[in-house]
């Protein structure tokens, strides 16, 4: 699960980097050479992609990572709880006395 969480975090970082890079590249090309409606449309689309990433896609990855951490914690709690119950069993407790 830790590996999956790491992969999701890396995917989120790469996705954000790609969207920011695309936006900067559009701004460099369009801003310097283009005029009029076409340039505004291109810049608008790159802004839309970054906003879509930040508002829709990145939160999905955040929820997945949070869910993985929550599942890891839940599994650790159950394991700890089970171990403490096993440790609480003493020889002489019913059928468990045969195991001692």
PDB file of N, CA and C in Angstrom:
ATOM      1  N   UNK A   1       0.814  -1.193   0.000  1.00  0.00           N
ATOM      2  CA  UNK A   1       0.000   0.000   0.000  1.00  0.00           C
ATOM      3  C   UNK A   1       0.859   1.259   0.000  1.00  0.00           C
ATOM      4  N   UNK A   2       1.997   1.185   0.649  1.00  0.00           N
ATOM      5  CA  UNK A   2       2.885   2.344   0.663  1.00  0.00           C
ATOM      6  C   UNK A   2       3.373   2.645  -0.749  1.00  0.00           C
ATOM      7  N   UNK A   3       3.663   1.598  -1.496  1.00  0.00           N
ATOM      8  CA  UNK A   3       4.118   1.786  -2.886  1.00  0.00           C
ATOM      9  C   UNK A   3       3.016   2.434  -3.718  1.00  0.00           C
ATOM     10  N   UNK A   4       1.787   1.988  -3.544  1.00  0.00           N
ATOM     11  CA  UNK A   4       0.662   2.565  -4.277  1.00  0.00           C
ATOM     12  C   UNK A   4       0.497   4.039  -3.929  1.00  0.00           C
ATOM     13  N   UNK A   5       0.611   4.357  -2.658  1.00  0.00           N
ATOM     14  CA  UNK A   5       0.504   5.751  -2.223  1.00  0.00           C
ATOM     15  C   UNK A   5       1.614   6.598  -2.847  1.00  0.00           C
ATOM     16  N   UNK A   6       2.811   6.055  -2.906  1.00  0.00           N
ATOM     17  CA  UNK A   6       3.938   6.763  -3.522  1.00  0.00           C
ATOM     18  C   UNK A   6       3.690   6.980  -5.015  1.00  0.00           C
ATOM     19  N   UNK A   7       3.172   5.962  -5.688  1.00  0.00           N
ATOM     20  CA  UNK A   7       2.873   6.093  -7.118  1.00  0.00           C
ATOM     21  C   UNK A   7       1.801   7.145  -7.369  1.00  0.00           C
ATOM     22  N   UNK A   8       0.781   7.180  -6.528  1.00  0.00           N
ATOM     23  CA  UNK A   8      -0.270   8.191  -6.681  1.00  0.00           C
ATOM     24  C   UNK A   8       0.272   9.596  -6.446  1.00  0.00           C
ATOM     25  N   UNK A   9       1.116   9.744  -5.431  1.00  0.00           N
ATOM     26  CA  UNK A   9       1.706  11.054  -5.148  1.00  0.00           C
ATOM     27  C   UNK A   9       2.585  11.503  -6.314  1.00  0.00           C
ATOM     28  N   UNK A  10       3.357  10.562  -6.872  1.00  0.00           N
ATOM     29  CA  UNK A  10       4.197  10.886  -8.033  1.00  0.00           C
ATOM     30  C   UNK A  10       3.345  11.274  -9.241  1.00  0.00           C
ATOM     31  N   UNK A  11       2.252  10.543  -9.460  1.00  0.00           N
ATOM     32  CA  UNK A  11       1.355  10.865 -10.575  1.00  0.00           C
ATOM     33  C   UNK A  11       0.753  12.253 -10.398  1.00  0.00           C
ATOM     34  N   UNK A  12       0.396  12.593  -9.180  1.00  0.00           N
ATOM     35  CA  UNK A  12      -0.163  13.922  -8.917  1.00  0.00           C
ATOM     36  C   UNK A  12       0.883  15.002  -9.195  1.00  0.00           C
ATOM     37  N   UNK A  13       2.092  14.784  -8.712  1.00  0.00           N
ATOM     38  CA  UNK A  13       3.159  15.768  -8.929  1.00  0.00           C
ATOM     39  C   UNK A  13       3.470  15.932 -10.418  1.00  0.00           C
ATOM     40  N   UNK A  14       3.555  14.813 -11.145  1.00  0.00           N
ATOM     41  CA  UNK A  14       3.845  14.885 -12.581  1.00  0.00           C
ATOM     42  C   UNK A  14       2.710  15.533 -13.352  1.00  0.00           C
ATOM     43  N   UNK A  15       1.479  15.226 -12.976  1.00  0.00           N
ATOM     44  CA  UNK A  15       0.327  15.824 -13.646  1.00  0.00           C
ATOM     45  C   UNK A  15       0.283  17.324 -13.469  1.00  0.00           C
ATOM     46  N   UNK A  16       0.528  17.764 -12.251  1.00  0.00           N
ATOM     47  CA  UNK A  16       0.533  19.210 -11.996  1.00  0.00           C
ATOM     48  C   UNK A  16       1.682  19.881 -12.743  1.00  0.00           C
ATOM     49  N   UNK A  17       2.841  19.238 -12.731  1.00  0.00           N
ATOM     50  CA  UNK A  17       3.997  19.788 -13.447  1.00  0.00           C
ATOM     51  C   UNK A  17       3.707  19.891 -14.947  1.00  0.00           C
ATOM     52  N   UNK A  18       3.068  18.873 -15.501  1.00  0.00           N
ATOM     53  CA  UNK A  18       2.731  18.878 -16.922  1.00  0.00           C
ATOM     54  C   UNK A  18       1.752  20.000 -17.259  1.00  0.00           C
ATOM     55  N   UNK A  19       0.728  20.177 -16.434  1.00  0.00           N
ATOM     56  CA  UNK A  19      -0.260  21.245 -16.681  1.00  0.00           C
ATOM     57  C   UNK A  19       0.383  22.627 -16.575  1.00  0.00           C
ATOM     58  N   UNK A  20       1.234  22.810 -15.586  1.00  0.00           N
ATOM     59  CA  UNK A  20       1.909  24.110 -15.436  1.00  0.00           C
ATOM     60  C   UNK A  20       2.877  24.359 -16.595  1.00  0.00           C
ATOM     61  N   UNK A  21       3.576  23.321 -17.010  1.00  0.00           N
ATOM     62  CA  UNK A  21       4.505  23.444 -18.129  1.00  0.00           C
ATOM     63  C   UNK A  21       3.755  23.780 -19.415  1.00  0.00           C
ATOM     64  N   UNK A  22       2.625  23.100 -19.625  1.00  0.00           N
ATOM     65  CA  UNK A  22       1.821  23.373 -20.810  1.00  0.00           C
ATOM     66  C   UNK A  22       1.342  24.822 -20.805  1.00  0.00           C
ATOM     67  N   UNK A  23       0.897  25.287 -19.663  1.00  0.00           N
ATOM     68  CA  UNK A  23       0.410  26.662 -19.554  1.00  0.00           C
ATOM     69  C   UNK A  23       1.542  27.654 -19.843  1.00  0.00           C
ATOM     70  N   UNK A  24       2.718  27.400 -19.292  1.00  0.00           N
ATOM     71  CA  UNK A  24       3.859  28.292 -19.520  1.00  0.00           C
ATOM     72  C   UNK A  24       4.297  28.263 -20.985  1.00  0.00           C
ATOM     73  N   UNK A  25       4.314  27.064 -21.590  1.00  0.00           N
ATOM     74  CA  UNK A  25       4.695  26.949 -22.999  1.00  0.00           C
ATOM     75  C   UNK A  25       3.723  27.697 -23.900  1.00  0.00           C
ATOM     76  N   UNK A  26       2.430  27.547 -23.639  1.00  0.00           N
ATOM     77  CA  UNK A  26       1.426  28.283 -24.419  1.00  0.00           C
ATOM     78  C   UNK A  26       1.639  29.782 -24.271  1.00  0.00           C
ATOM     79  N   UNK A  27       1.860  30.211 -23.049  1.00  0.00           N
ATOM     80  CA  UNK A  27       2.032  31.648 -22.807  1.00  0.00           C
ATOM     81  C   UNK A  27       3.262  32.177 -23.538  1.00  0.00           C
ATOM     82  N   UNK A  28       4.344  31.397 -23.567  1.00  0.00           N
ATOM     83  CA  UNK A  28       5.559  31.831 -24.259  1.00  0.00           C
ATOM     84  C   UNK A  28       5.352  31.930 -25.766  1.00  0.00           C
ATOM     85  N   UNK A  29       4.702  30.945 -26.344  1.00  0.00           N
ATOM     86  CA  UNK A  29       4.499  30.932 -27.793  1.00  0.00           C
ATOM     87  C   UNK A  29       3.417  31.920 -28.198  1.00  0.00           C
ATOM     88  N   UNK A  30       2.287  31.816 -27.564  1.00  0.00           N
ATOM     89  CA  UNK A  30       1.137  32.631 -27.947  1.00  0.00           C
ATOM     90  C   UNK A  30       1.343  34.090 -27.585  1.00  0.00           C
ATOM     91  N   UNK A  31       1.844  34.332 -26.402  1.00  0.00           N
ATOM     92  CA  UNK A  31       2.002  35.710 -25.945  1.00  0.00           C
ATOM     93  C   UNK A  31       2.962  36.514 -26.796  1.00  0.00           C
ATOM     94  N   UNK A  32       3.987  35.861 -27.305  1.00  0.00           N
ATOM     95  CA  UNK A  32       5.005  36.587 -28.058  1.00  0.00           C
ATOM     96  C   UNK A  32       4.634  36.778 -29.529  1.00  0.00           C
ATOM     97  N   UNK A  33       3.923  35.830 -30.121  1.00  0.00           N
ATOM     98  CA  UNK A  33       3.743  35.843 -31.570  1.00  0.00           C
ATOM     99  C   UNK A  33       2.316  36.017 -32.060  1.00  0.00           C
ATOM    100  N   UNK A  34       1.343  35.681 -31.273  1.00  0.00           N
ATOM    101  CA  UNK A  34      -0.031  35.669 -31.759  1.00  0.00           C
ATOM    102  C   UNK A  34      -0.787  36.904 -31.311  1.00  0.00           C
ATOM    103  N   UNK A  35      -1.747  37.258 -32.093  1.00  0.00           N
ATOM    104  CA  UNK A  35      -2.616  38.391 -31.764  1.00  0.00           C
ATOM    105  C   UNK A  35      -4.065  37.984 -31.986  1.00  0.00           C
ATOM    106  N   UNK A  36      -4.952  38.584 -31.251  1.00  0.00           N
ATOM    107  CA  UNK A  36      -6.378  38.422 -31.507  1.00  0.00           C
ATOM    108  C   UNK A  36      -7.039  37.256 -30.812  1.00  0.00           C
ATOM    109  N   UNK A  37      -8.140  36.814 -31.428  1.00  0.00           N
ATOM    110  CA  UNK A  37      -9.017  35.812 -30.830  1.00  0.00           C
ATOM    111  C   UNK A  37      -8.311  34.472 -30.656  1.00  0.00           C
ATOM    112  N   UNK A  38      -7.519  34.074 -31.632  1.00  0.00           N
ATOM    113  CA  UNK A  38      -6.837  32.778 -31.556  1.00  0.00           C
ATOM    114  C   UNK A  38      -5.898  32.714 -30.358  1.00  0.00           C
ATOM    115  N   UNK A  39      -5.169  33.785 -30.123  1.00  0.00           N
ATOM    116  CA  UNK A  39      -4.246  33.780 -28.989  1.00  0.00           C
ATOM    117  C   UNK A  39      -5.002  33.727 -27.671  1.00  0.00           C
ATOM    118  N   UNK A  40      -6.096  34.450 -27.588  1.00  0.00           N
ATOM    119  CA  UNK A  40      -6.892  34.446 -26.359  1.00  0.00           C
ATOM    120  C   UNK A  40      -7.509  33.064 -26.118  1.00  0.00           C
ATOM    121  N   UNK A  41      -7.955  32.410 -27.195  1.00  0.00           N
ATOM    122  CA  UNK A  41      -8.543  31.074 -27.065  1.00  0.00           C
ATOM    123  C   UNK A  41      -7.503  30.064 -26.590  1.00  0.00           C
ATOM    124  N   UNK A  42      -6.302  30.132 -27.155  1.00  0.00           N
ATOM    125  CA  UNK A  42      -5.240  29.206 -26.753  1.00  0.00           C
ATOM    126  C   UNK A  42      -4.858  29.412 -25.294  1.00  0.00           C
ATOM    127  N   UNK A  43      -4.694  30.648 -24.901  1.00  0.00           N
ATOM    128  CA  UNK A  43      -4.360  30.927 -23.501  1.00  0.00           C
ATOM    129  C   UNK A  43      -5.496  30.509 -22.574  1.00  0.00           C
ATOM    130  N   UNK A  44      -6.727  30.736 -23.010  1.00  0.00           N
ATOM    131  CA  UNK A  44      -7.884  30.343 -22.203  1.00  0.00           C
ATOM    132  C   UNK A  44      -7.950  28.840 -21.996  1.00  0.00           C
ATOM    133  N   UNK A  45      -7.656  28.076 -23.046  1.00  0.00           N
ATOM    134  CA  UNK A  45      -7.691  26.612 -22.936  1.00  0.00           C
ATOM    135  C   UNK A  45      -6.602  26.098 -22.005  1.00  0.00           C
ATOM    136  N   UNK A  46      -5.429  26.686 -22.060  1.00  0.00           N
ATOM    137  CA  UNK A  46      -4.375  26.233 -21.154  1.00  0.00           C
ATOM    138  C   UNK A  46      -4.736  26.571 -19.711  1.00  0.00           C
ATOM    139  N   UNK A  47      -5.357  27.718 -19.493  1.00  0.00           N
ATOM    140  CA  UNK A  47      -5.829  28.068 -18.146  1.00  0.00           C
ATOM    141  C   UNK A  47      -6.919  27.112 -17.682  1.00  0.00           C
ATOM    142  N   UNK A  48      -7.824  26.751 -18.603  1.00  0.00           N
ATOM    143  CA  UNK A  48      -8.899  25.809 -18.268  1.00  0.00           C
ATOM    144  C   UNK A  48      -8.335  24.459 -17.850  1.00  0.00           C
ATOM    145  N   UNK A  49      -7.303  24.000 -18.553  1.00  0.00           N
ATOM    146  CA  UNK A  49      -6.714  22.702 -18.226  1.00  0.00           C
ATOM    147  C   UNK A  49      -6.111  22.724 -16.833  1.00  0.00           C
ATOM    148  N   UNK A  50      -5.404  23.777 -16.501  1.00  0.00           N
ATOM    149  CA  UNK A  50      -4.810  23.876 -15.173  1.00  0.00           C
ATOM    150  C   UNK A  50      -5.897  23.948 -14.103  1.00  0.00           C
ATOM    151  N   UNK A  51      -6.944  24.703 -14.362  1.00  0.00           N
ATOM    152  CA  UNK A  51      -8.049  24.784 -13.405  1.00  0.00           C
ATOM    153  C   UNK A  51      -8.747  23.436 -13.262  1.00  0.00           C
ATOM    154  N   UNK A  52      -8.934  22.723 -14.379  1.00  0.00           N
ATOM    155  CA  UNK A  52      -9.559  21.400 -14.330  1.00  0.00           C
ATOM    156  C   UNK A  52      -8.702  20.442 -13.516  1.00  0.00           C
ATOM    157  N   UNK A  53      -7.405  20.515 -13.719  1.00  0.00           N
ATOM    158  CA  UNK A  53      -6.492  19.663 -12.945  1.00  0.00           C
ATOM    159  C   UNK A  53      -6.656  19.954 -11.457  1.00  0.00           C
ATOM    160  N   UNK A  54      -6.579  21.237 -11.103  1.00  0.00           N
ATOM    161  CA  UNK A  54      -6.632  21.613  -9.689  1.00  0.00           C
ATOM    162  C   UNK A  54      -7.985  21.339  -9.038  1.00  0.00           C
ATOM    163  N   UNK A  55      -9.069  21.494  -9.791  1.00  0.00           N
ATOM    164  CA  UNK A  55     -10.395  21.354  -9.183  1.00  0.00           C
ATOM    165  C   UNK A  55     -10.981  19.948  -9.300  1.00  0.00           C
ATOM    166  N   UNK A  56     -10.572  19.175 -10.301  1.00  0.00           N
ATOM    167  CA  UNK A  56     -11.196  17.871 -10.527  1.00  0.00           C
ATOM    168  C   UNK A  56     -10.238  16.687 -10.373  1.00  0.00           C
ATOM    169  N   UNK A  57      -9.118  16.730 -11.042  1.00  0.00           N
ATOM    170  CA  UNK A  57      -8.241  15.559 -11.082  1.00  0.00           C
ATOM    171  C   UNK A  57      -7.368  15.411  -9.841  1.00  0.00           C
ATOM    172  N   UNK A  58      -6.714  16.473  -9.427  1.00  0.00           N
ATOM    173  CA  UNK A  58      -5.849  16.394  -8.245  1.00  0.00           C
ATOM    174  C   UNK A  58      -6.624  15.979  -6.993  1.00  0.00           C
ATOM    175  N   UNK A  59      -7.841  16.491  -6.762  1.00  0.00           N
ATOM    176  CA  UNK A  59      -8.591  16.043  -5.578  1.00  0.00           C
ATOM    177  C   UNK A  59      -8.917  14.547  -5.586  1.00  0.00           C
ATOM    178  N   UNK A  60      -9.093  13.959  -6.768  1.00  0.00           N
ATOM    179  CA  UNK A  60      -9.330  12.513  -6.839  1.00  0.00           C
ATOM    180  C   UNK A  60      -8.110  11.767  -6.311  1.00  0.00           C
ATOM    181  N   UNK A  61      -6.932  12.185  -6.740  1.00  0.00           N
ATOM    182  CA  UNK A  61      -5.706  11.541  -6.260  1.00  0.00           C
ATOM    183  C   UNK A  61      -5.521  11.771  -4.763  1.00  0.00           C
ATOM    184  N   UNK A  62      -5.865  12.963  -4.283  1.00  0.00           N
ATOM    185  CA  UNK A  62      -5.790  13.237  -2.842  1.00  0.00           C
ATOM    186  C   UNK A  62      -6.698  12.297  -2.059  1.00  0.00           C
ATOM    187  N   UNK A  63      -7.920  12.088  -2.551  1.00  0.00           N
ATOM    188  CA  UNK A  63      -8.867  11.196  -1.865  1.00  0.00           C
ATOM    189  C   UNK A  63      -8.358   9.759  -1.862  1.00  0.00           C
ATOM    190  N   UNK A  64      -7.783   9.331  -2.973  1.00  0.00           N
ATOM    191  CA  UNK A  64      -7.224   7.979  -3.029  1.00  0.00           C
ATOM    192  C   UNK A  64      -6.086   7.811  -2.026  1.00  0.00           C
ATOM    193  N   UNK A  65      -5.192   8.800  -1.965  1.00  0.00           N
ATOM    194  CA  UNK A  65      -4.075   8.718  -1.020  1.00  0.00           C
ATOM    195  C   UNK A  65      -4.572   8.728   0.420  1.00  0.00           C
ATOM    196  N   UNK A  66      -5.568   9.555   0.718  1.00  0.00           N
ATOM    197  CA  UNK A  66      -6.140   9.603   2.061  1.00  0.00           C
ATOM    198  C   UNK A  66      -6.788   8.264   2.405  1.00  0.00           C
ATOM    199  N   UNK A  67      -7.484   7.672   1.451  1.00  0.00           N
ATOM    200  CA  UNK A  67      -8.104   6.371   1.674  1.00  0.00           C
ATOM    201  C   UNK A  67      -7.087   5.280   1.948  1.00  0.00           C
ATOM    202  N   UNK A  68      -5.975   5.329   1.241  1.00  0.00           N
ATOM    203  CA  UNK A  68      -4.924   4.330   1.450  1.00  0.00           C
ATOM    204  C   UNK A  68      -4.335   4.465   2.847  1.00  0.00           C
ATOM    205  N   UNK A  69      -4.051   5.686   3.259  1.00  0.00           N
ATOM    206  CA  UNK A  69      -3.501   5.906   4.603  1.00  0.00           C
ATOM    207  C   UNK A  69      -4.507   5.456   5.659  1.00  0.00           C
ATOM    208  N   UNK A  70      -5.781   5.776   5.452  1.00  0.00           N
ATOM    209  CA  UNK A  70      -6.814   5.353   6.398  1.00  0.00           C
ATOM    210  C   UNK A  70      -6.911   3.841   6.493  1.00  0.00           C
ATOM    211  N   UNK A  71      -6.818   3.162   5.352  1.00  0.00           N
ATOM    212  CA  UNK A  71      -6.863   1.701   5.341  1.00  0.00           C
ATOM    213  C   UNK A  71      -5.651   1.118   6.050  1.00  0.00           C
ATOM    214  N   UNK A  72      -4.478   1.698   5.822  1.00  0.00           N
ATOM    215  CA  UNK A  72      -3.275   1.230   6.512  1.00  0.00           C
ATOM    216  C   UNK A  72      -3.435   1.377   8.021  1.00  0.00           C
ATOM    217  N   UNK A  73      -3.951   2.518   8.457  1.00  0.00           N
ATOM    218  CA  UNK A  73      -4.140   2.746   9.889  1.00  0.00           C
ATOM    219  C   UNK A  73      -5.154   1.773  10.470  1.00  0.00           C
ATOM    220  N   UNK A  74      -6.230   1.527   9.751  1.00  0.00           N
ATOM    221  CA  UNK A  74      -7.260   0.595  10.208  1.00  0.00           C
ATOM    222  C   UNK A  74      -6.698  -0.813  10.332  1.00  0.00           C
ATOM    223  N   UNK A  75      -5.913  -1.233   9.343  1.00  0.00           N
ATOM    224  CA  UNK A  75      -5.302  -2.563   9.400  1.00  0.00           C
ATOM    225  C   UNK A  75      -4.336  -2.668  10.573  1.00  0.00           C
ATOM    226  N   UNK A  76      -3.558  -1.634  10.812  1.00  0.00           N
ATOM    227  CA  UNK A  76      -2.618  -1.646  11.936  1.00  0.00           C
ATOM    228  C   UNK A  76      -3.363  -1.694  13.262  1.00  0.00           C
ATOM    229  N   UNK A  77      -4.471  -0.958  13.371  1.00  0.00           N
ATOM    230  CA  UNK A  77      -5.269  -0.979  14.600  1.00  0.00           C
ATOM    231  C   UNK A  77      -5.842  -2.363  14.857  1.00  0.00           C
ATOM    232  N   UNK A  78      -6.366  -3.004  13.807  1.00  0.00           N
ATOM    233  CA  UNK A  78      -6.933  -4.342  13.971  1.00  0.00           C
ATOM    234  C   UNK A  78      -5.855  -5.349  14.342  1.00  0.00           C
ATOM    235  N   UNK A  79      -4.697  -5.210  13.746  1.00  0.00           N
ATOM    236  CA  UNK A  79      -3.594  -6.114  14.061  1.00  0.00           C
ATOM    237  C   UNK A  79      -3.164  -5.936  15.512  1.00  0.00           C
ATOM    238  N   UNK A  80      -3.056  -4.697  15.942  1.00  0.00           N
ATOM    239  CA  UNK A  80      -2.673  -4.407  17.323  1.00  0.00           C
ATOM    240  C   UNK A  80      -3.727  -4.904  18.299  1.00  0.00           C
ATOM    241  N   UNK A  81      -5.000  -4.702  17.963  1.00  0.00           N
ATOM    242  CA  UNK A  81      -6.094  -5.151  18.818  1.00  0.00           C
ATOM    243  C   UNK A  81      -6.100  -6.672  18.929  1.00  0.00           C
ATOM    244  N   UNK A  82      -5.908  -7.344  17.811  1.00  0.00           N
ATOM    245  CA  UNK A  82      -5.863  -8.806  17.824  1.00  0.00           C
ATOM    246  C   UNK A  82      -4.702  -9.330  18.640  1.00  0.00           C
ATOM    247  N   UNK A  83      -3.548  -8.686  18.504  1.00  0.00           N
ATOM    248  CA  UNK A  83      -2.376  -9.115  19.263  1.00  0.00           C
ATOM    249  C   UNK A  83      -2.593  -8.916  20.757  1.00  0.00           C
ATOM    250  N   UNK A  84      -3.222  -7.812  21.144  1.00  0.00           N
ATOM    251  CA  UNK A  84      -3.461  -7.573  22.571  1.00  0.00           C
ATOM    252  C   UNK A  84      -4.452  -8.590  23.133  1.00  0.00           C
ATOM    253  N   UNK A  85      -5.429  -9.022  22.336  1.00  0.00           N
ATOM    254  CA  UNK A  85      -6.364 -10.057  22.799  1.00  0.00           C
ATOM    255  C   UNK A  85      -5.659 -11.394  22.959  1.00  0.00           C
ATOM    256  N   UNK A  86      -4.783 -11.710  22.032  1.00  0.00           N
ATOM    257  CA  UNK A  86      -4.024 -12.959  22.149  1.00  0.00           C
ATOM    258  C   UNK A  86      -3.131 -12.913  23.383  1.00  0.00           C
ATOM    259  N   UNK A  87      -2.496 -11.784  23.626  1.00  0.00           N
ATOM    260  CA  UNK A  87      -1.618 -11.652  24.785  1.00  0.00           C
ATOM    261  C   UNK A  87      -2.389 -11.724  26.099  1.00  0.00           C
ATOM    262  N   UNK A  88      -3.679 -11.355  26.068  1.00  0.00           N
ATOM    263  CA  UNK A  88      -4.485 -11.367  27.289  1.00  0.00           C
ATOM    264  C   UNK A  88      -4.905 -12.776  27.690  1.00  0.00           C
ATOM    265  N   UNK A  89      -4.826 -13.706  26.759  1.00  0.00           N
ATOM    266  CA  UNK A  89      -5.219 -15.085  27.067  1.00  0.00           C
ATOM    267  C   UNK A  89      -4.119 -15.727  27.897  1.00  0.00           C
ATOM    268  N   UNK A  90      -4.490 -16.244  29.044  1.00  0.00           N
ATOM    269  CA  UNK A  90      -3.512 -16.882  29.929  1.00  0.00           C
ATOM    270  C   UNK A  90      -3.776 -18.374  29.973  1.00  0.00           C
ATOM    271  N   UNK A  91      -2.745 -19.161  30.253  1.00  0.00           N
ATOM    272  CA  UNK A  91      -2.964 -20.604  30.400  1.00  0.00           C
ATOM    273  C   UNK A  91      -4.006 -20.842  31.493  1.00  0.00           C
ATOM    274  N   UNK A  92      -4.843 -21.809  31.270  1.00  0.00           N
ATOM    275  CA  UNK A  92      -5.885 -22.116  32.239  1.00  0.00           C
ATOM    276  C   UNK A  92      -7.221 -21.515  31.860  1.00  0.00           C
ATOM    277  N   UNK A  93      -7.271 -20.754  30.789  1.00  0.00           N
ATOM    278  CA  UNK A  93      -8.534 -20.157  30.344  1.00  0.00           C
ATOM    279  C   UNK A  93      -9.218 -21.123  29.385  1.00  0.00           C
ATOM    280  N   UNK A  94     -10.066 -21.949  29.896  1.00  0.00           N
ATOM    281  CA  UNK A  94     -10.834 -22.848  29.046  1.00  0.00           C
ATOM    282  C   UNK A  94      -9.954 -23.754  28.222  1.00  0.00           C
ATOM    283  N   UNK A  95     -10.257 -23.876  26.950  1.00  0.00           N
ATOM    284  CA  UNK A  95      -9.519 -24.763  26.054  1.00  0.00           C
ATOM    285  C   UNK A  95      -8.106 -24.274  25.772  1.00  0.00           C
ATOM    286  N   UNK A  96      -7.828 -23.013  26.089  1.00  0.00           N
ATOM    287  CA  UNK A  96      -6.491 -22.490  25.805  1.00  0.00           C
ATOM    288  C   UNK A  96      -5.428 -23.068  26.733  1.00  0.00           C
ATOM    289  N   UNK A  97      -5.837 -23.695  27.822  1.00  0.00           N
ATOM    290  CA  UNK A  97      -4.851 -24.266  28.742  1.00  0.00           C
ATOM    291  C   UNK A  97      -4.080 -25.389  28.068  1.00  0.00           C
ATOM    292  N   UNK A  98      -4.676 -26.038  27.079  1.00  0.00           N
ATOM    293  CA  UNK A  98      -3.977 -27.111  26.371  1.00  0.00           C
ATOM    294  C   UNK A  98      -2.847 -26.579  25.499  1.00  0.00           C
ATOM    295  N   UNK A  99      -2.902 -25.315  25.130  1.00  0.00           N
ATOM    296  CA  UNK A  99      -1.885 -24.741  24.248  1.00  0.00           C
ATOM    297  C   UNK A  99      -0.615 -24.355  24.988  1.00  0.00           C
ATOM    298  N   UNK A 100      -0.685 -24.222  26.284  1.00  0.00           N
ATOM    299  CA  UNK A 100       0.462 -23.755  27.071  1.00  0.00           C
ATOM    300  C   UNK A 100       1.497 -24.832  27.246  1.00  0.00           C
TER     301      UNK A 100
END
